[in-house]
Amino acid sequence: MAHIDYYFATLSPYAYLAGTRMEEVAAKHGATITYKPLDIMSLFGRTGGTAPKDRHISRMEYRGIDLLRQSAALGMDFNLKPAHWPTNMAPSSYALIAAQNAGGGDMGKAVHALLRAVWVEEKDIAEDTVIKACLEEAGFDPSLADSGLLEGAETYGRNLEEAVAAGVFGAPFYITDDGTRFWGQDRIADLDAHLASKA
């Protein structure tokens, strides 16, 4: 059975634009998914990237153009300057880690709910009530947001180390069980084709 390691950040606009298309591709091919939320700012620092606040104005202007163009093409609502960006990614990431460990809900839906909260709904995903609402929407026990915090912190840190070792440098980033890498929501079709070729 094929497997996908999915590296992402709960603040990533491009992870938001991925929607649940990766999950649809995985289901199509019978592939399993391990969700690996990580600290994207630390990843940038470790892999030669630059945090958005430190990028040249030309890069940031083009980022805005591209995000609006991509969201329009996908028919997705998108707020280029959300009220709560950036914010602390750790609490939402820990909650997703706890949810994945517990099971019983839809991980893709939980991830997308958190990302939509940032980029559409003007909510702060560092807030407990927002995280719990997203978990509940995806069929998880909202109290998972309060559990396994130590394990969540350890896994969150480990995800970063594994990402660096695996050649990850941005988000969303997909790695199949044969080590093939795909960066960006605009590469999900390539991931689909790759999994089809291995069937």
N, C-alpha and C. Protein backbone atom coordinates (compact mmCIF):
# COMPACT_ATOMS: atom_id res chain seq x y z
N MET A 1 0.84 -1.20 0.00
CA MET A 1 0.00 0.00 0.00
C MET A 1 0.88 1.25 0.00
N ALA A 2 0.57 2.17 -0.87
CA ALA A 2 1.34 3.42 -0.94
C ALA A 2 1.12 4.27 0.31
N HIS A 3 2.10 5.10 0.60
CA HIS A 3 2.02 5.96 1.78
C HIS A 3 2.55 7.35 1.43
N ILE A 4 1.97 8.36 2.06
CA ILE A 4 2.40 9.75 1.85
C ILE A 4 2.70 10.37 3.21
N ASP A 5 3.91 10.90 3.36
CA ASP A 5 4.22 11.76 4.49
C ASP A 5 3.91 13.19 4.06
N TYR A 6 3.03 13.83 4.80
CA TYR A 6 2.57 15.17 4.43
C TYR A 6 3.12 16.18 5.43
N TYR A 7 4.07 17.00 4.99
CA TYR A 7 4.66 18.05 5.81
C TYR A 7 3.97 19.37 5.47
N PHE A 8 3.53 20.06 6.51
CA PHE A 8 2.78 21.29 6.29
C PHE A 8 2.86 22.16 7.54
N ALA A 9 2.40 23.39 7.40
CA ALA A 9 2.30 24.31 8.53
C ALA A 9 0.86 24.80 8.60
N THR A 10 0.35 24.94 9.80
CA THR A 10 -1.05 25.34 9.96
C THR A 10 -1.28 26.82 9.65
N LEU A 11 -0.24 27.52 9.25
CA LEU A 11 -0.37 28.91 8.80
C LEU A 11 -0.10 29.08 7.31
N SER A 12 0.23 28.00 6.63
CA SER A 12 0.66 28.11 5.24
C SER A 12 -0.50 28.42 4.29
N PRO A 13 -0.42 29.52 3.54
CA PRO A 13 -1.50 29.82 2.60
C PRO A 13 -1.59 28.80 1.47
N TYR A 14 -0.45 28.25 1.08
CA TYR A 14 -0.47 27.27 0.01
C TYR A 14 -1.01 25.93 0.49
N ALA A 15 -0.80 25.60 1.77
CA ALA A 15 -1.43 24.40 2.33
C ALA A 15 -2.95 24.59 2.36
N TYR A 16 -3.39 25.81 2.64
CA TYR A 16 -4.83 26.10 2.59
C TYR A 16 -5.36 25.86 1.17
N LEU A 17 -4.63 26.36 0.17
CA LEU A 17 -5.09 26.23 -1.21
C LEU A 17 -5.08 24.78 -1.69
N ALA A 18 -4.33 23.92 -1.01
CA ALA A 18 -4.35 22.49 -1.35
C ALA A 18 -5.71 21.88 -1.04
N GLY A 19 -6.47 22.52 -0.16
CA GLY A 19 -7.77 21.99 0.21
C GLY A 19 -7.64 20.57 0.72
N THR A 20 -8.49 19.69 0.21
CA THR A 20 -8.39 18.27 0.55
C THR A 20 -8.11 17.45 -0.71
N ARG A 21 -7.47 18.08 -1.69
CA ARG A 21 -7.18 17.38 -2.95
C ARG A 21 -6.17 16.25 -2.76
N MET A 22 -5.18 16.45 -1.88
CA MET A 22 -4.23 15.38 -1.62
C MET A 22 -4.92 14.17 -1.01
N GLU A 23 -5.85 14.42 -0.10
CA GLU A 23 -6.60 13.31 0.51
C GLU A 23 -7.43 12.56 -0.54
N GLU A 24 -7.97 13.29 -1.50
CA GLU A 24 -8.74 12.66 -2.57
C GLU A 24 -7.84 11.78 -3.43
N VAL A 25 -6.64 12.26 -3.71
CA VAL A 25 -5.68 11.47 -4.48
C VAL A 25 -5.27 10.23 -3.70
N ALA A 26 -5.01 10.38 -2.42
CA ALA A 26 -4.63 9.23 -1.59
C ALA A 26 -5.73 8.19 -1.58
N ALA A 27 -6.98 8.63 -1.42
CA ALA A 27 -8.10 7.70 -1.40
C ALA A 27 -8.24 6.98 -2.74
N LYS A 28 -8.01 7.69 -3.81
CA LYS A 28 -8.10 7.11 -5.15
C LYS A 28 -7.13 5.95 -5.34
N HIS A 29 -5.95 6.09 -4.72
CA HIS A 29 -4.91 5.08 -4.89
C HIS A 29 -4.76 4.15 -3.68
N GLY A 30 -5.64 4.31 -2.70
CA GLY A 30 -5.54 3.48 -1.51
C GLY A 30 -4.31 3.77 -0.67
N ALA A 31 -3.82 5.00 -0.75
CA ALA A 31 -2.62 5.38 -0.01
C ALA A 31 -2.97 5.88 1.39
N THR A 32 -2.12 5.57 2.34
CA THR A 32 -2.27 6.09 3.69
C THR A 32 -1.48 7.39 3.81
N ILE A 33 -1.80 8.19 4.84
CA ILE A 33 -1.18 9.51 5.02
C ILE A 33 -0.73 9.66 6.47
N THR A 34 0.48 10.16 6.67
CA THR A 34 0.91 10.61 7.99
C THR A 34 1.04 12.12 7.93
N TYR A 35 0.28 12.80 8.77
CA TYR A 35 0.30 14.26 8.81
C TYR A 35 1.42 14.72 9.73
N LYS A 36 2.27 15.61 9.23
CA LYS A 36 3.44 16.04 9.97
C LYS A 36 3.51 17.57 10.04
N PRO A 37 2.70 18.17 10.90
CA PRO A 37 2.78 19.62 11.07
C PRO A 37 4.14 20.02 11.63
N LEU A 38 4.65 21.16 11.16
CA LEU A 38 5.97 21.59 11.62
C LEU A 38 6.04 23.11 11.68
N ASP A 39 7.13 23.58 12.28
CA ASP A 39 7.39 25.01 12.41
C ASP A 39 8.04 25.49 11.11
N ILE A 40 7.26 26.08 10.24
CA ILE A 40 7.74 26.46 8.92
C ILE A 40 8.81 27.54 8.98
N MET A 41 8.74 28.44 9.96
CA MET A 41 9.76 29.49 10.06
C MET A 41 11.11 28.88 10.40
N SER A 42 11.11 27.89 11.29
CA SER A 42 12.37 27.20 11.62
C SER A 42 12.88 26.41 10.41
N LEU A 43 11.94 25.82 9.67
CA LEU A 43 12.33 25.08 8.47
C LEU A 43 13.01 26.00 7.47
N PHE A 44 12.45 27.18 7.25
CA PHE A 44 13.09 28.13 6.34
C PHE A 44 14.52 28.42 6.77
N GLY A 45 14.69 28.67 8.07
CA GLY A 45 16.01 28.99 8.58
C GLY A 45 17.01 27.85 8.43
N ARG A 46 16.50 26.63 8.47
CA ARG A 46 17.37 25.45 8.39
C ARG A 46 17.70 25.05 6.95
N THR A 47 16.91 25.51 5.99
CA THR A 47 17.06 25.01 4.61
C THR A 47 17.30 26.12 3.59
N GLY A 48 17.77 27.28 4.05
CA GLY A 48 18.14 28.34 3.12
C GLY A 48 17.00 29.24 2.69
N GLY A 49 15.85 29.10 3.32
CA GLY A 49 14.72 29.95 2.99
C GLY A 49 14.73 31.24 3.80
N THR A 50 13.77 32.09 3.52
CA THR A 50 13.64 33.37 4.21
C THR A 50 12.21 33.55 4.68
N ALA A 51 12.04 33.95 5.93
CA ALA A 51 10.69 34.21 6.45
C ALA A 51 10.05 35.34 5.64
N PRO A 52 8.72 35.29 5.45
CA PRO A 52 8.07 36.32 4.65
C PRO A 52 8.42 37.75 5.05
N LYS A 53 8.51 38.01 6.34
CA LYS A 53 8.79 39.37 6.80
C LYS A 53 10.17 39.88 6.37
N ASP A 54 11.06 38.96 6.02
CA ASP A 54 12.42 39.33 5.64
C ASP A 54 12.65 39.26 4.14
N ARG A 55 11.62 38.95 3.37
CA ARG A 55 11.80 38.83 1.93
C ARG A 55 11.75 40.19 1.24
N HIS A 56 12.40 40.27 0.11
CA HIS A 56 12.40 41.49 -0.68
C HIS A 56 10.97 41.81 -1.10
N ILE A 57 10.68 43.09 -1.23
CA ILE A 57 9.33 43.53 -1.58
C ILE A 57 8.86 42.93 -2.89
N SER A 58 9.77 42.73 -3.83
CA SER A 58 9.38 42.15 -5.12
C SER A 58 8.84 40.74 -4.95
N ARG A 59 9.49 39.98 -4.07
CA ARG A 59 9.04 38.61 -3.81
C ARG A 59 7.68 38.62 -3.10
N MET A 60 7.49 39.52 -2.17
CA MET A 60 6.23 39.57 -1.43
C MET A 60 5.08 40.05 -2.31
N GLU A 61 5.38 40.99 -3.20
CA GLU A 61 4.34 41.44 -4.13
C GLU A 61 3.91 40.29 -5.04
N TYR A 62 4.89 39.55 -5.54
CA TYR A 62 4.54 38.44 -6.42
C TYR A 62 3.82 37.34 -5.66
N ARG A 63 4.21 37.10 -4.41
CA ARG A 63 3.51 36.12 -3.57
C ARG A 63 2.02 36.47 -3.49
N GLY A 64 1.72 37.76 -3.27
CA GLY A 64 0.34 38.19 -3.19
C GLY A 64 -0.40 37.98 -4.50
N ILE A 65 0.24 38.31 -5.61
CA ILE A 65 -0.36 38.12 -6.92
C ILE A 65 -0.66 36.64 -7.15
N ASP A 66 0.32 35.80 -6.82
CA ASP A 66 0.18 34.37 -7.06
C ASP A 66 -0.91 33.75 -6.20
N LEU A 67 -0.97 34.14 -4.93
CA LEU A 67 -1.98 33.59 -4.04
C LEU A 67 -3.39 33.95 -4.51
N LEU A 68 -3.58 35.19 -4.92
CA LEU A 68 -4.90 35.60 -5.41
C LEU A 68 -5.25 34.92 -6.73
N ARG A 69 -4.25 34.76 -7.59
CA ARG A 69 -4.47 34.09 -8.87
C ARG A 69 -4.84 32.62 -8.65
N GLN A 70 -4.08 31.95 -7.77
CA GLN A 70 -4.33 30.53 -7.51
C GLN A 70 -5.68 30.31 -6.82
N SER A 71 -6.01 31.16 -5.85
CA SER A 71 -7.28 30.99 -5.15
C SER A 71 -8.45 31.20 -6.10
N ALA A 72 -8.32 32.16 -7.01
CA ALA A 72 -9.38 32.41 -7.99
C ALA A 72 -9.52 31.21 -8.93
N ALA A 73 -8.40 30.67 -9.37
CA ALA A 73 -8.43 29.53 -10.28
C ALA A 73 -9.07 28.31 -9.63
N LEU A 74 -8.87 28.18 -8.32
CA LEU A 74 -9.43 27.05 -7.58
C LEU A 74 -10.84 27.30 -7.08
N GLY A 75 -11.32 28.54 -7.23
CA GLY A 75 -12.65 28.89 -6.75
C GLY A 75 -12.74 28.88 -5.23
N MET A 76 -11.63 29.27 -4.57
CA MET A 76 -11.58 29.26 -3.11
C MET A 76 -11.54 30.67 -2.57
N ASP A 77 -12.32 30.94 -1.54
CA ASP A 77 -12.25 32.23 -0.86
C ASP A 77 -10.86 32.40 -0.27
N PHE A 78 -10.37 33.63 -0.25
CA PHE A 78 -9.01 33.86 0.27
C PHE A 78 -8.85 35.32 0.66
N ASN A 79 -8.31 35.52 1.86
CA ASN A 79 -8.02 36.86 2.37
C ASN A 79 -6.51 37.02 2.41
N LEU A 80 -5.97 37.89 1.58
CA LEU A 80 -4.52 38.03 1.46
C LEU A 80 -3.87 38.56 2.73
N LYS A 81 -4.62 39.33 3.51
CA LYS A 81 -4.06 39.90 4.74
C LYS A 81 -4.96 39.56 5.92
N PRO A 82 -4.91 38.30 6.38
CA PRO A 82 -5.79 37.89 7.48
C PRO A 82 -5.43 38.58 8.78
N ALA A 83 -6.42 38.72 9.63
CA ALA A 83 -6.24 39.46 10.89
C ALA A 83 -5.28 38.78 11.85
N HIS A 84 -5.17 37.44 11.76
CA HIS A 84 -4.36 36.71 12.74
C HIS A 84 -3.26 35.91 12.04
N TRP A 85 -2.45 36.64 11.29
CA TRP A 85 -1.28 36.03 10.64
C TRP A 85 -0.14 37.02 10.71
N PRO A 86 1.02 36.59 11.22
CA PRO A 86 1.27 35.26 11.78
C PRO A 86 0.74 35.13 13.21
N THR A 87 0.63 33.90 13.66
CA THR A 87 0.26 33.60 15.04
C THR A 87 1.01 32.34 15.45
N ASN A 88 0.85 31.92 16.68
CA ASN A 88 1.56 30.75 17.19
C ASN A 88 0.97 29.48 16.58
N MET A 89 1.76 28.75 15.83
CA MET A 89 1.31 27.53 15.16
C MET A 89 1.30 26.31 16.09
N ALA A 90 2.04 26.39 17.18
CA ALA A 90 2.24 25.20 18.02
C ALA A 90 0.94 24.60 18.57
N PRO A 91 0.04 25.40 19.18
CA PRO A 91 -1.17 24.77 19.75
C PRO A 91 -2.01 24.01 18.74
N SER A 92 -2.20 24.57 17.56
CA SER A 92 -2.99 23.87 16.54
C SER A 92 -2.26 22.63 16.04
N SER A 93 -0.95 22.71 15.95
CA SER A 93 -0.16 21.56 15.51
C SER A 93 -0.22 20.44 16.54
N TYR A 94 -0.09 20.79 17.82
CA TYR A 94 -0.18 19.78 18.87
C TYR A 94 -1.54 19.09 18.85
N ALA A 95 -2.59 19.87 18.61
CA ALA A 95 -3.94 19.32 18.58
C ALA A 95 -4.09 18.33 17.42
N LEU A 96 -3.51 18.66 16.27
CA LEU A 96 -3.58 17.75 15.13
C LEU A 96 -2.81 16.47 15.40
N ILE A 97 -1.69 16.59 16.06
CA ILE A 97 -0.90 15.41 16.42
C ILE A 97 -1.70 14.52 17.37
N ALA A 98 -2.36 15.13 18.35
CA ALA A 98 -3.19 14.37 19.28
C ALA A 98 -4.35 13.71 18.55
N ALA A 99 -4.96 14.42 17.61
CA ALA A 99 -6.08 13.88 16.85
C ALA A 99 -5.65 12.69 16.00
N GLN A 100 -4.50 12.82 15.35
CA GLN A 100 -4.00 11.72 14.53
C GLN A 100 -3.73 10.49 15.39
N ASN A 101 -3.18 10.69 16.57
CA ASN A 101 -2.89 9.57 17.46
C ASN A 101 -4.17 8.93 17.98
N ALA A 102 -5.19 9.75 18.21
CA ALA A 102 -6.45 9.23 18.77
C ALA A 102 -7.33 8.58 17.72
N GLY A 103 -7.34 9.14 16.52
CA GLY A 103 -8.21 8.64 15.47
C GLY A 103 -9.66 9.01 15.72
N GLY A 104 -10.53 8.52 14.87
CA GLY A 104 -11.96 8.73 15.06
C GLY A 104 -12.54 9.89 14.28
N GLY A 105 -11.72 10.63 13.58
CA GLY A 105 -12.21 11.76 12.81
C GLY A 105 -11.55 11.82 11.44
N ASP A 106 -11.73 12.92 10.75
CA ASP A 106 -11.21 13.13 9.40
C ASP A 106 -10.05 14.12 9.48
N MET A 107 -8.82 13.61 9.37
CA MET A 107 -7.65 14.48 9.52
C MET A 107 -7.57 15.56 8.44
N GLY A 108 -7.87 15.18 7.21
CA GLY A 108 -7.83 16.18 6.14
C GLY A 108 -8.79 17.32 6.40
N LYS A 109 -9.95 16.99 6.89
CA LYS A 109 -10.96 18.00 7.20
C LYS A 109 -10.51 18.88 8.36
N ALA A 110 -9.86 18.29 9.36
CA ALA A 110 -9.37 19.06 10.52
C ALA A 110 -8.28 20.04 10.10
N VAL A 111 -7.35 19.55 9.29
CA VAL A 111 -6.27 20.42 8.80
C VAL A 111 -6.85 21.58 8.00
N HIS A 112 -7.75 21.26 7.08
CA HIS A 112 -8.32 22.31 6.23
C HIS A 112 -9.16 23.29 7.04
N ALA A 113 -9.84 22.81 8.06
CA ALA A 113 -10.65 23.70 8.90
C ALA A 113 -9.77 24.73 9.59
N LEU A 114 -8.62 24.30 10.08
CA LEU A 114 -7.70 25.24 10.73
C LEU A 114 -7.14 26.25 9.73
N LEU A 115 -6.76 25.77 8.56
CA LEU A 115 -6.22 26.67 7.55
C LEU A 115 -7.28 27.65 7.05
N ARG A 116 -8.50 27.16 6.88
CA ARG A 116 -9.61 28.04 6.46
C ARG A 116 -9.90 29.08 7.53
N ALA A 117 -9.75 28.69 8.80
CA ALA A 117 -9.97 29.64 9.90
C ALA A 117 -9.03 30.84 9.78
N VAL A 118 -7.79 30.58 9.35
CA VAL A 118 -6.82 31.66 9.18
C VAL A 118 -7.13 32.50 7.95
N TRP A 119 -7.24 31.82 6.80
CA TRP A 119 -7.21 32.51 5.51
C TRP A 119 -8.57 32.95 4.99
N VAL A 120 -9.64 32.55 5.69
CA VAL A 120 -10.98 32.96 5.26
C VAL A 120 -11.78 33.56 6.41
N GLU A 121 -11.72 32.93 7.58
CA GLU A 121 -12.66 33.24 8.65
C GLU A 121 -12.15 34.25 9.68
N GLU A 122 -10.93 34.77 9.49
CA GLU A 122 -10.38 35.80 10.39
C GLU A 122 -10.32 35.33 11.85
N LYS A 123 -9.95 34.07 12.04
CA LYS A 123 -9.85 33.53 13.39
C LYS A 123 -8.40 33.28 13.76
N ASP A 124 -8.12 33.29 15.06
CA ASP A 124 -6.77 33.06 15.57
C ASP A 124 -6.64 31.60 15.97
N ILE A 125 -5.88 30.83 15.19
CA ILE A 125 -5.76 29.39 15.47
C ILE A 125 -4.84 29.08 16.64
N ALA A 126 -4.36 30.10 17.34
CA ALA A 126 -3.66 29.87 18.59
C ALA A 126 -4.65 29.80 19.76
N GLU A 127 -5.91 30.16 19.49
CA GLU A 127 -6.91 30.18 20.55
C GLU A 127 -7.56 28.81 20.71
N ASP A 128 -7.70 28.41 21.95
CA ASP A 128 -8.24 27.10 22.29
C ASP A 128 -9.63 26.86 21.70
N THR A 129 -10.49 27.86 21.76
CA THR A 129 -11.87 27.68 21.27
C THR A 129 -11.90 27.45 19.76
N VAL A 130 -11.02 28.11 19.05
CA VAL A 130 -10.96 27.95 17.59
C VAL A 130 -10.47 26.54 17.25
N ILE A 131 -9.42 26.11 17.92
CA ILE A 131 -8.86 24.77 17.67
C ILE A 131 -9.91 23.70 17.96
N LYS A 132 -10.59 23.83 19.09
CA LYS A 132 -11.59 22.82 19.47
C LYS A 132 -12.74 22.77 18.47
N ALA A 133 -13.15 23.93 17.98
CA ALA A 133 -14.24 23.96 17.00
C ALA A 133 -13.83 23.26 15.70
N CYS A 134 -12.58 23.43 15.30
CA CYS A 134 -12.09 22.78 14.08
C CYS A 134 -12.00 21.27 14.27
N LEU A 135 -11.55 20.83 15.43
CA LEU A 135 -11.51 19.40 15.71
C LEU A 135 -12.91 18.80 15.68
N GLU A 136 -13.84 19.49 16.32
CA GLU A 136 -15.20 18.98 16.39
C GLU A 136 -15.83 18.92 15.00
N GLU A 137 -15.58 19.92 14.18
CA GLU A 137 -16.10 19.95 12.82
C GLU A 137 -15.65 18.73 12.03
N ALA A 138 -14.43 18.25 12.35
CA ALA A 138 -13.86 17.11 11.62
C ALA A 138 -14.16 15.77 12.29
N GLY A 139 -15.01 15.78 13.32
CA GLY A 139 -15.42 14.54 13.94
C GLY A 139 -14.54 14.05 15.07
N PHE A 140 -13.65 14.91 15.56
CA PHE A 140 -12.78 14.55 16.68
C PHE A 140 -13.34 15.09 18.00
N ASP A 141 -12.94 14.46 19.07
CA ASP A 141 -13.27 14.95 20.41
C ASP A 141 -12.51 16.27 20.62
N PRO A 142 -13.22 17.37 20.84
CA PRO A 142 -12.52 18.66 20.99
C PRO A 142 -11.57 18.70 22.18
N SER A 143 -11.78 17.85 23.17
CA SER A 143 -10.89 17.85 24.34
C SER A 143 -9.49 17.37 23.99
N LEU A 144 -9.31 16.82 22.79
CA LEU A 144 -7.96 16.42 22.36
C LEU A 144 -7.01 17.62 22.33
N ALA A 145 -7.58 18.81 22.19
CA ALA A 145 -6.75 20.03 22.19
C ALA A 145 -6.05 20.23 23.51
N ASP A 146 -6.56 19.59 24.57
CA ASP A 146 -5.97 19.74 25.90
C ASP A 146 -5.11 18.56 26.30
N SER A 147 -4.96 17.58 25.42
CA SER A 147 -4.28 16.35 25.81
C SER A 147 -2.97 16.16 25.06
N GLY A 148 -2.09 15.36 25.65
CA GLY A 148 -0.86 14.97 24.98
C GLY A 148 0.03 16.13 24.58
N LEU A 149 0.07 17.17 25.40
CA LEU A 149 0.84 18.36 25.01
C LEU A 149 2.33 18.09 24.95
N LEU A 150 2.84 17.29 25.89
CA LEU A 150 4.27 16.96 25.87
C LEU A 150 4.60 16.13 24.63
N GLU A 151 3.77 15.13 24.37
CA GLU A 151 3.99 14.31 23.18
C GLU A 151 3.84 15.15 21.92
N GLY A 152 2.89 16.07 21.93
CA GLY A 152 2.71 16.96 20.80
C GLY A 152 3.95 17.80 20.54
N ALA A 153 4.51 18.35 21.60
CA ALA A 153 5.71 19.18 21.46
C ALA A 153 6.88 18.37 20.94
N GLU A 154 7.02 17.15 21.45
CA GLU A 154 8.13 16.30 21.02
C GLU A 154 7.97 15.89 19.55
N THR A 155 6.74 15.55 19.16
CA THR A 155 6.49 15.15 17.78
C THR A 155 6.66 16.33 16.83
N TYR A 156 6.20 17.49 17.26
CA TYR A 156 6.33 18.72 16.45
C TYR A 156 7.81 19.00 16.17
N GLY A 157 8.64 18.88 17.18
CA GLY A 157 10.08 19.07 16.99
C GLY A 157 10.68 17.99 16.11
N ARG A 158 10.25 16.76 16.32
CA ARG A 158 10.76 15.64 15.53
C ARG A 158 10.35 15.78 14.06
N ASN A 159 9.14 16.27 13.82
CA ASN A 159 8.70 16.48 12.43
C ASN A 159 9.63 17.42 11.69
N LEU A 160 10.09 18.46 12.38
CA LEU A 160 11.02 19.41 11.77
C LEU A 160 12.33 18.72 11.40
N GLU A 161 12.87 17.94 12.34
CA GLU A 161 14.13 17.25 12.08
C GLU A 161 13.98 16.26 10.93
N GLU A 162 12.87 15.53 10.91
CA GLU A 162 12.63 14.56 9.84
C GLU A 162 12.48 15.28 8.50
N ALA A 163 11.83 16.43 8.53
CA ALA A 163 11.64 17.20 7.30
C ALA A 163 12.98 17.63 6.72
N VAL A 164 13.84 18.17 7.55
CA VAL A 164 15.16 18.62 7.09
C VAL A 164 15.94 17.44 6.52
N ALA A 165 15.90 16.31 7.22
CA ALA A 165 16.63 15.13 6.77
C ALA A 165 16.08 14.58 5.46
N ALA A 166 14.78 14.76 5.23
CA ALA A 166 14.13 14.21 4.04
C ALA A 166 14.19 15.15 2.83
N GLY A 167 14.74 16.35 3.01
CA GLY A 167 14.85 17.27 1.89
C GLY A 167 13.67 18.21 1.74
N VAL A 168 12.89 18.36 2.79
CA VAL A 168 11.74 19.28 2.76
C VAL A 168 12.23 20.70 3.01
N PHE A 169 11.68 21.67 2.27
CA PHE A 169 12.09 23.06 2.47
C PHE A 169 10.93 24.04 2.41
N GLY A 170 9.72 23.55 2.23
CA GLY A 170 8.56 24.43 2.16
C GLY A 170 7.30 23.64 2.46
N ALA A 171 6.16 24.29 2.30
CA ALA A 171 4.88 23.63 2.57
C ALA A 171 3.82 24.14 1.59
N PRO A 172 2.94 23.24 1.18
CA PRO A 172 2.85 21.82 1.54
C PRO A 172 3.90 20.99 0.80
N PHE A 173 4.32 19.91 1.42
CA PHE A 173 5.35 19.05 0.86
C PHE A 173 4.92 17.60 1.06
N TYR A 174 4.95 16.82 -0.02
CA TYR A 174 4.48 15.44 0.02
C TYR A 174 5.63 14.51 -0.36
N ILE A 175 5.84 13.47 0.44
CA ILE A 175 6.87 12.48 0.14
C ILE A 175 6.24 11.10 0.16
N THR A 176 6.38 10.39 -0.94
CA THR A 176 5.82 9.04 -1.02
C THR A 176 6.78 8.03 -0.39
N ASP A 177 6.29 6.81 -0.20
CA ASP A 177 7.10 5.81 0.50
C ASP A 177 8.32 5.37 -0.29
N ASP A 178 8.40 5.71 -1.58
CA ASP A 178 9.61 5.42 -2.34
C ASP A 178 10.57 6.61 -2.37
N GLY A 179 10.26 7.64 -1.57
CA GLY A 179 11.15 8.79 -1.43
C GLY A 179 10.96 9.89 -2.45
N THR A 180 9.94 9.78 -3.30
CA THR A 180 9.70 10.81 -4.30
C THR A 180 9.05 12.03 -3.65
N ARG A 181 9.58 13.22 -3.97
CA ARG A 181 9.15 14.45 -3.31
C ARG A 181 8.33 15.34 -4.25
N PHE A 182 7.34 15.99 -3.66
CA PHE A 182 6.50 16.94 -4.39
C PHE A 182 6.29 18.16 -3.50
N TRP A 183 6.62 19.35 -4.03
CA TRP A 183 6.48 20.59 -3.26
C TRP A 183 5.40 21.46 -3.89
N GLY A 184 4.41 21.80 -3.09
CA GLY A 184 3.42 22.78 -3.52
C GLY A 184 2.07 22.18 -3.86
N GLN A 185 1.03 22.97 -3.61
CA GLN A 185 -0.33 22.53 -3.92
C GLN A 185 -0.54 22.37 -5.42
N ASP A 186 0.31 22.98 -6.21
CA ASP A 186 0.19 22.87 -7.66
C ASP A 186 0.91 21.64 -8.21
N ARG A 187 1.39 20.76 -7.30
CA ARG A 187 2.05 19.52 -7.72
C ARG A 187 1.24 18.29 -7.33
N ILE A 188 0.00 18.50 -6.86
CA ILE A 188 -0.82 17.36 -6.45
C ILE A 188 -1.16 16.48 -7.65
N ALA A 189 -1.34 17.08 -8.82
CA ALA A 189 -1.59 16.28 -10.03
C ALA A 189 -0.39 15.39 -10.34
N ASP A 190 0.81 15.90 -10.08
CA ASP A 190 2.02 15.10 -10.30
C ASP A 190 2.09 13.94 -9.29
N LEU A 191 1.69 14.22 -8.06
CA LEU A 191 1.62 13.16 -7.04
C LEU A 191 0.63 12.09 -7.48
N ASP A 192 -0.50 12.50 -7.98
CA ASP A 192 -1.51 11.58 -8.49
C ASP A 192 -0.92 10.68 -9.59
N ALA A 193 -0.25 11.31 -10.55
CA ALA A 193 0.33 10.56 -11.67
C ALA A 193 1.39 9.59 -11.18
N HIS A 194 2.18 10.01 -10.20
CA HIS A 194 3.23 9.14 -9.67
C HIS A 194 2.62 7.91 -9.00
N LEU A 195 1.61 8.12 -8.18
CA LEU A 195 0.98 6.99 -7.50
C LEU A 195 0.33 6.05 -8.52
N ALA A 196 -0.24 6.62 -9.57
CA ALA A 196 -0.85 5.80 -10.62
C ALA A 196 0.20 4.93 -11.31
N SER A 197 1.39 5.48 -11.50
CA SER A 197 2.46 4.74 -12.19
C SER A 197 3.00 3.60 -11.36
N LYS A 198 2.78 3.68 -10.04
CA LYS A 198 3.30 2.64 -9.13
C LYS A 198 2.26 1.56 -8.85
N ALA A 199 1.04 1.79 -9.30
CA ALA A 199 -0.04 0.83 -9.00
C ALA A 199 0.15 -0.49 -9.72
